[in-house]
């Protein structure tokens, strides 16, 4: 059992590769290194912060129902606790990295990393303690209400998305993303859709570990969880394909992949407690929500470079509601739906205002938005003095930084 569970943990870690490939592929070539570096370092720094502070706040002794009060800078006497900490660290890294894609191509490296550490060390674990807390005693207050979020549609994905929403509101849109006169959105295509597709497949693979590993055991229930996860992803892609076809829009690779990811996010809350039919419905509706959410953000002139907020935020809310409404043991119960709605609202009211404050302070102090010149030259060069594709731009690579 322990070997199986460790394998599932490693699948969740492999998801970071998927995020890095998908987000860098959706960015322009001049920002590819910057996007990869943010994904790489938010795992490194976020893991250290979560070990030191976040894990204790989330899973320590939680007699109040609001906050863990033990196991800061943890060490353990039993082997299982080490494995559990590793698994939960991978979840914290996922929550943090959601913002990197949404804020890509105009966010300063240092400002982003400070924000990522605050997400993994405070914003994510405190809300997580309300739902999953009490591993070492006690229980979170939302869990006491009966809130269902098996693997984190809200705890991980929506919380990460609301932080991303705050981030893009503070940092503003990329240069040229919206017409200054009409306000109409302009497409800024990514530089490598091949690695976007590869990243999507890797995320899909990792999601089997993400959801199945949340059983915290290796038994026959893994099959149902993995199958529901797969069917919802397929239905999410089908849902967004139908939307594009019915609206007479081009059937885009990027949106199709986001549709399947929306299905994965949505099923994450109820993958262990839904029938297969309901898993398909959940994924199908999630695909539609991702499409409509993407259009809504563009109408509001909110620049989400990779579509992270519709995928992780809007689909996460839908999936959390669906987990209560389609609960196999007690379906279509309005009380369950009400409890789920309360959890979704609380997640937003906790994560979004606090993240908005964090990013605003970062912008006013160390700086969050890259200057116009830095954006034009590309963050690979201005932040890292490297280029992802140096053979394409010898002049800029060897030009002194002061110029």
Protein backbone atom coordinates (compact mmCIF):
# COMPACT_ATOMS: atom_id res chain seq x y z
CA UNK A 1 0.00 0.00 0.00
CA UNK A 2 2.79 2.45 0.92
CA UNK A 3 4.52 1.94 -2.44
CA UNK A 4 1.26 2.55 -4.30
CA UNK A 5 0.59 5.72 -2.35
CA UNK A 6 4.09 7.07 -2.93
CA UNK A 7 3.57 6.44 -6.65
CA UNK A 8 0.39 8.51 -6.51
CA UNK A 9 2.27 11.29 -4.70
CA UNK A 10 4.88 11.33 -7.46
CA UNK A 11 2.12 11.64 -10.06
CA UNK A 12 0.90 14.77 -8.26
CA UNK A 13 4.43 16.18 -8.30
CA UNK A 14 4.61 15.43 -12.03
CA UNK A 15 1.65 17.79 -12.48
CA UNK A 16 4.07 20.67 -11.96
CA UNK A 17 5.70 19.65 -15.25
CA UNK A 18 2.29 19.88 -16.89
CA UNK A 19 1.65 23.34 -15.49
CA UNK A 20 5.09 24.53 -16.60
CA UNK A 21 4.68 23.24 -20.15
CA UNK A 22 1.11 24.45 -20.59
CA UNK A 23 1.77 27.93 -19.19
CA UNK A 24 5.05 28.50 -21.01
CA UNK A 25 3.56 27.27 -24.28
CA UNK A 26 0.68 29.72 -23.96
CA UNK A 27 3.15 32.57 -23.41
CA UNK A 28 5.21 34.25 -26.11
CA UNK A 29 8.71 32.94 -26.70
CA UNK A 30 10.29 36.02 -25.10
CA UNK A 31 8.69 35.08 -21.76
CA UNK A 32 9.10 31.28 -21.81
CA UNK A 33 12.04 31.15 -19.36
CA UNK A 34 10.29 33.51 -16.95
CA UNK A 35 7.16 31.35 -16.84
CA UNK A 36 9.17 28.16 -16.32
CA UNK A 37 11.24 29.80 -13.57
CA UNK A 38 8.13 30.90 -11.70
CA UNK A 39 6.68 27.39 -11.86
CA UNK A 40 9.98 25.87 -10.78
CA UNK A 41 10.66 28.19 -7.88
CA UNK A 42 7.15 28.38 -6.46
CA UNK A 43 7.44 24.62 -5.93
CA UNK A 44 10.84 25.00 -4.26
CA UNK A 45 10.09 27.98 -2.04
CA UNK A 46 6.46 27.04 -1.48
CA UNK A 47 7.43 23.57 -0.28
CA UNK A 48 9.83 25.01 2.29
CA UNK A 49 7.25 27.50 3.55
CA UNK A 50 4.52 24.87 3.70
CA UNK A 51 6.80 22.55 5.69
CA UNK A 52 7.74 25.32 8.11
CA UNK A 53 4.36 26.98 8.65
CA UNK A 54 1.57 25.91 6.32
CA UNK A 55 1.33 22.25 7.30
CA UNK A 56 0.91 23.05 10.98
CA UNK A 57 -1.70 25.73 10.32
CA UNK A 58 -3.63 23.34 8.08
CA UNK A 59 -3.33 19.97 9.80
CA UNK A 60 -2.11 20.66 13.33
CA UNK A 61 -4.28 20.21 16.41
CA UNK A 62 -7.45 22.14 15.50
CA UNK A 63 -9.67 22.32 18.58
CA UNK A 64 -11.23 25.64 17.53
CA UNK A 65 -12.17 24.41 14.05
CA UNK A 66 -10.42 27.44 12.52
CA UNK A 67 -6.67 26.90 12.75
CA UNK A 68 -4.10 24.24 13.46
CA UNK A 69 -2.02 25.03 16.52
CA UNK A 70 0.73 22.41 16.41
CA UNK A 71 3.36 20.84 14.14
CA UNK A 72 5.07 24.00 12.94
CA UNK A 73 8.52 23.03 11.57
CA UNK A 74 7.33 19.42 11.95
CA UNK A 75 9.21 16.24 12.58
CA UNK A 76 7.49 12.92 13.16
CA UNK A 77 7.84 9.63 14.98
CA UNK A 78 5.83 7.53 12.52
CA UNK A 79 6.60 6.91 8.88
CA UNK A 80 3.08 7.57 7.57
CA UNK A 81 3.17 11.23 8.66
CA UNK A 82 6.19 11.88 6.43
CA UNK A 83 4.29 10.51 3.44
CA UNK A 84 1.20 12.53 4.31
CA UNK A 85 3.26 15.73 4.58
CA UNK A 86 4.84 15.08 1.17
CA UNK A 87 1.44 14.50 -0.43
CA UNK A 88 -0.03 17.66 1.06
CA UNK A 89 3.01 19.68 0.00
CA UNK A 90 2.24 18.76 -3.60
CA UNK A 91 -1.31 20.10 -3.15
CA UNK A 92 -0.01 23.37 -1.71
CA UNK A 93 2.33 23.75 -4.70
CA UNK A 94 -0.61 23.27 -7.05
CA UNK A 95 -2.63 26.01 -5.36
CA UNK A 96 0.29 28.44 -5.62
CA UNK A 97 1.19 27.79 -9.24
CA UNK A 98 -2.31 28.57 -10.56
CA UNK A 99 -1.61 32.30 -10.28
CA UNK A 100 1.59 32.12 -12.32
CA UNK A 101 -0.20 31.34 -15.57
CA UNK A 102 -2.94 33.92 -15.14
CA UNK A 103 -0.40 36.66 -14.35
CA UNK A 104 2.13 35.61 -16.99
CA UNK A 105 4.11 37.97 -19.25
CA UNK A 106 3.87 41.15 -17.16
CA UNK A 107 4.63 40.14 -13.56
CA UNK A 108 7.99 40.75 -11.89
CA UNK A 109 9.77 37.61 -10.75
CA UNK A 110 10.51 38.62 -7.16
CA UNK A 111 7.06 40.03 -6.50
CA UNK A 112 5.43 36.89 -7.82
CA UNK A 113 7.56 34.59 -5.64
CA UNK A 114 6.77 36.53 -2.46
CA UNK A 115 3.07 36.23 -3.29
CA UNK A 116 3.44 32.49 -3.92
CA UNK A 117 5.06 31.97 -0.53
CA UNK A 118 2.23 33.81 1.21
CA UNK A 119 -0.30 31.63 -0.62
CA UNK A 120 1.36 28.39 0.47
CA UNK A 121 2.17 29.63 3.97
CA UNK A 122 -1.08 31.41 4.90
CA UNK A 123 -3.95 31.77 2.43
CA UNK A 124 -4.19 28.15 1.30
CA UNK A 125 -3.50 26.35 4.61
CA UNK A 126 -5.87 28.46 6.72
CA UNK A 127 -8.83 27.75 4.46
CA UNK A 128 -7.67 24.15 4.17
CA UNK A 129 -7.80 23.83 7.95
CA UNK A 130 -11.51 24.67 7.84
CA UNK A 131 -12.21 21.78 5.47
CA UNK A 132 -9.48 19.16 5.92
CA UNK A 133 -7.88 20.23 9.21
CA UNK A 134 -7.46 18.15 12.34
CA UNK A 135 -5.11 15.39 11.16
CA UNK A 136 -3.56 15.56 14.63
CA UNK A 137 -6.86 16.22 16.44
CA UNK A 138 -9.95 18.39 16.11
CA UNK A 139 -11.92 19.15 12.97
CA UNK A 140 -12.45 22.13 10.66
CA UNK A 141 -15.70 24.06 11.03
CA UNK A 142 -16.74 23.61 7.39
CA UNK A 143 -16.14 19.88 7.69
CA UNK A 144 -18.40 19.89 10.76
CA UNK A 145 -21.15 21.42 8.61
CA UNK A 146 -20.81 18.53 6.18
CA UNK A 147 -18.94 20.36 3.42
CA UNK A 148 -17.75 17.91 0.75
CA UNK A 149 -14.51 18.53 -1.12
CA UNK A 150 -12.82 15.19 -1.51
CA UNK A 151 -9.65 16.27 -3.31
CA UNK A 152 -9.85 20.05 -3.52
CA UNK A 153 -12.08 21.62 -6.18
CA UNK A 154 -12.44 24.51 -3.75
CA UNK A 155 -9.65 24.00 -1.23
CA UNK A 156 -6.93 23.83 -3.87
CA UNK A 157 -8.29 25.03 -7.20
CA UNK A 158 -10.78 27.77 -6.36
CA UNK A 159 -8.55 29.22 -3.65
CA UNK A 160 -5.68 29.33 -6.15
CA UNK A 161 -7.95 30.89 -8.78
CA UNK A 162 -9.25 33.62 -6.46
CA UNK A 163 -5.64 34.51 -5.67
CA UNK A 164 -4.99 34.62 -9.42
CA UNK A 165 -8.02 36.87 -9.94
CA UNK A 166 -6.68 39.30 -7.35
CA UNK A 167 -3.29 39.16 -9.02
CA UNK A 168 -4.49 40.04 -12.52
CA UNK A 169 -6.61 42.88 -11.14
CA UNK A 170 -3.59 44.43 -9.42
CA UNK A 171 -1.02 43.78 -12.14
CA UNK A 172 -3.30 44.79 -15.02
CA UNK A 173 -3.46 43.41 -18.58
CA UNK A 174 -0.54 42.77 -20.89
CA UNK A 175 0.44 45.54 -23.29
CA UNK A 176 -1.84 45.46 -26.30
CA UNK A 177 -4.25 42.89 -24.86
CA UNK A 178 -7.23 45.26 -25.12
CA UNK A 179 -7.89 48.01 -27.64
CA UNK A 180 -7.50 51.34 -25.80
CA UNK A 181 -10.44 52.91 -27.69
CA UNK A 182 -13.02 50.14 -28.06
CA UNK A 183 -11.88 47.95 -25.16
CA UNK A 184 -12.18 44.91 -27.40
CA UNK A 185 -9.83 42.06 -26.64
CA UNK A 186 -6.94 41.24 -28.93
CA UNK A 187 -5.56 37.73 -29.21
CA UNK A 188 -1.98 37.27 -27.99
CA UNK A 189 -1.18 33.73 -29.15
CA UNK A 190 1.19 31.43 -27.34
CA UNK A 191 4.45 30.47 -28.98
CA UNK A 192 4.21 26.66 -28.80
CA UNK A 193 0.84 24.92 -28.82
CA UNK A 194 2.53 21.53 -29.12
CA UNK A 195 3.90 21.76 -25.57
CA UNK A 196 0.56 23.17 -24.41
CA UNK A 197 -1.06 19.90 -25.52
CA UNK A 198 1.74 17.88 -23.90
CA UNK A 199 1.27 19.84 -20.68
CA UNK A 200 -2.46 19.13 -20.78
CA UNK A 201 -1.86 15.38 -21.12
CA UNK A 202 0.67 15.43 -18.27
CA UNK A 203 -1.79 17.27 -16.02
CA UNK A 204 -4.45 14.72 -16.92
CA UNK A 205 -2.08 11.89 -15.96
CA UNK A 206 -1.11 13.60 -12.71
CA UNK A 207 -4.75 14.14 -11.82
CA UNK A 208 -5.19 10.37 -11.33
CA UNK A 209 -2.73 10.66 -8.47
CA UNK A 210 -4.25 13.93 -7.27
CA UNK A 211 -7.73 12.46 -6.88
CA UNK A 212 -7.06 8.79 -6.19
CA UNK A 213 -4.31 9.63 -3.70
CA UNK A 214 -6.79 11.61 -1.62
CA UNK A 215 -8.25 8.33 -0.34
CA UNK A 216 -5.02 8.18 1.73
CA UNK A 217 -5.14 4.42 1.24
CA UNK A 218 -4.78 1.85 -1.50
CA UNK A 219 -8.03 -0.08 -1.96
CA UNK A 220 -10.68 -0.90 -4.55
CA UNK A 221 -12.15 2.63 -4.42
CA UNK A 222 -9.22 3.87 -6.51
CA UNK A 223 -10.75 2.44 -9.67
CA UNK A 224 -14.01 4.37 -9.35
CA UNK A 225 -12.20 7.60 -8.51
CA UNK A 226 -9.82 7.28 -11.45
CA UNK A 227 -12.62 6.38 -13.88
CA UNK A 228 -14.82 9.30 -12.77
CA UNK A 229 -11.80 11.58 -13.14
CA UNK A 230 -11.15 10.38 -16.69
CA UNK A 231 -14.79 10.57 -17.81
CA UNK A 232 -15.20 14.11 -16.47
CA UNK A 233 -12.09 15.27 -18.34
CA UNK A 234 -13.40 13.76 -21.58
CA UNK A 235 -16.80 15.35 -21.05
CA UNK A 236 -15.19 18.73 -20.31
CA UNK A 237 -13.47 18.71 -23.68
CA UNK A 238 -16.74 17.65 -25.34
CA UNK A 239 -18.63 20.45 -23.59
CA UNK A 240 -16.32 23.19 -24.76
CA UNK A 241 -16.22 21.69 -28.27
CA UNK A 242 -20.01 21.87 -28.44
CA UNK A 243 -19.94 25.48 -27.25
CA UNK A 244 -17.43 26.51 -29.90
CA UNK A 245 -19.39 24.71 -32.61
CA UNK A 246 -22.80 26.08 -31.59
CA UNK A 247 -21.45 29.63 -31.27
CA UNK A 248 -19.79 29.39 -34.67
CA UNK A 249 -16.34 29.97 -33.18
CA UNK A 250 -13.08 28.34 -34.25
CA UNK A 251 -12.42 25.08 -32.42
CA UNK A 252 -9.23 26.12 -30.65
CA UNK A 253 -6.67 23.73 -29.18
CA UNK A 254 -6.10 25.95 -26.15
CA UNK A 255 -9.79 26.14 -25.26
CA UNK A 256 -10.30 22.43 -25.84
CA UNK A 257 -7.48 21.57 -23.43
CA UNK A 258 -8.84 24.06 -20.91
CA UNK A 259 -12.24 22.39 -21.24
CA UNK A 260 -10.80 19.02 -20.26
CA UNK A 261 -8.89 20.64 -17.38
CA UNK A 262 -12.13 22.29 -16.26
CA UNK A 263 -13.72 18.85 -16.18
CA UNK A 264 -10.84 17.57 -14.06
CA UNK A 265 -11.13 20.47 -11.64
CA UNK A 266 -14.90 20.05 -11.35
CA UNK A 267 -14.83 16.32 -10.61
CA UNK A 268 -12.12 16.71 -7.98
CA UNK A 269 -14.63 17.48 -5.22
CA UNK A 270 -16.99 14.58 -5.89
CA UNK A 271 -14.89 11.95 -7.68
CA UNK A 272 -15.33 9.46 -4.82
CA UNK A 273 -19.02 10.10 -4.17
CA UNK A 274 -20.64 10.41 -7.63
CA UNK A 275 -21.95 7.88 -10.13
CA UNK A 276 -20.27 7.71 -13.52
CA UNK A 277 -23.27 9.36 -15.20
CA UNK A 278 -23.12 12.30 -12.83
CA UNK A 279 -19.35 12.56 -13.33
CA UNK A 280 -19.93 12.95 -17.08
CA UNK A 281 -22.62 15.60 -16.51
CA UNK A 282 -20.31 17.43 -14.11
CA UNK A 283 -17.49 17.47 -16.66
CA UNK A 284 -19.74 18.44 -19.57
CA UNK A 285 -21.16 21.45 -17.73
CA UNK A 286 -17.67 22.40 -16.57
CA UNK A 287 -16.54 22.64 -20.20
CA UNK A 288 -19.43 25.01 -20.95
CA UNK A 289 -18.58 27.08 -17.87
CA UNK A 290 -14.93 27.39 -18.93
CA UNK A 291 -16.01 28.71 -22.34
CA UNK A 292 -18.50 31.21 -20.92
CA UNK A 293 -16.12 32.24 -18.16
CA UNK A 294 -13.36 32.95 -20.67
CA UNK A 295 -15.70 35.18 -22.67
CA UNK A 296 -16.87 36.96 -19.51
CA UNK A 297 -13.33 37.80 -18.37
CA UNK A 298 -12.57 39.26 -21.79
CA UNK A 299 -15.72 41.40 -21.65
CA UNK A 300 -14.57 42.70 -18.24
CA UNK A 301 -11.07 43.40 -19.65
CA UNK A 302 -9.45 41.02 -17.19
CA UNK A 303 -6.40 39.47 -18.78
CA UNK A 304 -5.95 35.84 -17.74
CA UNK A 305 -3.10 34.70 -19.97
CA UNK A 306 -3.86 30.97 -19.77
CA UNK A 307 -7.52 30.81 -18.70
CA UNK A 308 -6.67 29.72 -15.16
CA UNK A 309 -9.59 31.49 -13.49
CA UNK A 310 -12.37 29.90 -15.58
CA UNK A 311 -10.67 26.50 -15.33
CA UNK A 312 -9.80 26.46 -11.64
CA UNK A 313 -12.18 29.05 -10.20
CA UNK A 314 -15.48 28.88 -12.06
CA UNK A 315 -15.29 25.14 -12.80
CA UNK A 316 -14.13 24.57 -9.22
CA UNK A 317 -17.24 26.27 -7.84
CA UNK A 318 -19.50 24.25 -10.14
CA UNK A 319 -17.77 21.00 -9.20
CA UNK A 320 -18.10 21.73 -5.49
CA UNK A 321 -21.82 22.41 -5.86
CA UNK A 322 -22.19 19.27 -7.98
CA UNK A 323 -20.48 17.18 -5.30
CA UNK A 324 -23.35 18.00 -2.95
CA UNK A 325 -26.16 17.90 -5.51
CA UNK A 326 -25.04 14.60 -7.09
CA UNK A 327 -23.99 12.91 -3.85
CA UNK A 328 -24.62 9.25 -4.61
CA UNK A 329 -25.83 8.37 -1.12
CA UNK A 330 -28.21 11.35 -0.88
CA UNK A 331 -28.76 13.01 -4.28
CA UNK A 332 -30.63 16.25 -4.99
CA UNK A 333 -30.71 17.31 -1.35
CA UNK A 334 -31.06 21.09 -1.03
CA UNK A 335 -29.42 21.12 2.38
CA UNK A 336 -26.27 19.54 0.92
CA UNK A 337 -26.32 22.09 -1.90
CA UNK A 338 -26.65 24.91 0.64
CA UNK A 339 -23.65 23.69 2.65
CA UNK A 340 -21.59 23.45 -0.53
CA UNK A 341 -22.59 26.97 -1.53
CA UNK A 342 -21.57 28.28 1.90
CA UNK A 343 -18.13 26.71 1.49
CA UNK A 344 -17.67 28.24 -1.98
CA UNK A 345 -18.63 31.72 -0.76
CA UNK A 346 -16.39 31.46 2.31
CA UNK A 347 -13.46 30.40 0.11
CA UNK A 348 -13.88 33.49 -2.06
CA UNK A 349 -14.35 35.86 0.89
CA UNK A 350 -11.19 34.53 2.52
CA UNK A 351 -8.82 34.11 -0.43
CA UNK A 352 -9.69 36.99 -2.78
CA UNK A 353 -9.58 40.01 -0.41
CA UNK A 354 -6.45 38.75 1.35
CA UNK A 355 -4.67 38.05 -1.94
CA UNK A 356 -5.78 41.45 -3.25
CA UNK A 357 -4.18 43.08 -0.22
CA UNK A 358 -0.99 41.01 -0.61
CA UNK A 359 -0.54 41.87 -4.28
CA UNK A 360 -1.39 45.53 -3.73
CA UNK A 361 1.25 45.81 -1.01
CA UNK A 362 3.77 44.02 -3.23
CA UNK A 363 3.04 46.42 -6.09
CA UNK A 364 3.52 49.44 -3.82
CA UNK A 365 6.74 48.13 -2.24
CA UNK A 366 9.00 45.81 -4.23
CA UNK A 367 7.00 46.10 -7.45
CA UNK A 368 4.75 43.59 -9.18
CA UNK A 369 4.07 44.83 -12.70
CA UNK A 370 6.93 44.90 -15.17
CA UNK A 371 7.50 48.19 -16.96
CA UNK A 372 6.36 48.71 -20.55
CA UNK A 373 9.95 48.47 -21.76
CA UNK A 374 10.51 45.23 -19.86
CA UNK A 375 7.35 43.74 -21.34
CA UNK A 376 8.36 44.78 -24.84
CA UNK A 377 11.83 43.28 -24.53
CA UNK A 378 10.51 40.18 -22.76
CA UNK A 379 10.87 39.06 -19.16
CA UNK A 380 13.32 36.32 -20.09
CA UNK A 381 15.94 38.95 -20.85
CA UNK A 382 14.99 41.69 -18.40
CA UNK A 383 14.43 39.41 -15.38
CA UNK A 384 16.88 36.56 -16.04
CA UNK A 385 19.26 37.73 -18.80
CA UNK A 386 18.51 34.49 -20.63
CA UNK A 387 16.42 33.54 -23.63
CA UNK A 388 14.49 30.35 -24.15
CA UNK A 389 15.34 30.47 -27.88
CA UNK A 390 18.68 32.33 -28.09
CA UNK A 391 19.29 31.46 -31.73
CA UNK A 392 16.33 33.68 -32.64
CA UNK A 393 17.71 36.84 -31.03
CA UNK A 394 21.49 37.19 -30.84
CA UNK A 395 21.34 41.00 -30.64
CA UNK A 396 19.13 41.20 -27.58
CA UNK A 397 20.94 38.41 -25.77
CA UNK A 398 24.30 40.20 -25.96
CA UNK A 399 23.05 43.76 -25.45
CA UNK A 400 24.06 45.18 -22.03
CA UNK A 401 21.28 45.28 -19.45
CA UNK A 402 21.69 49.03 -18.93
CA UNK A 403 20.67 49.82 -22.51
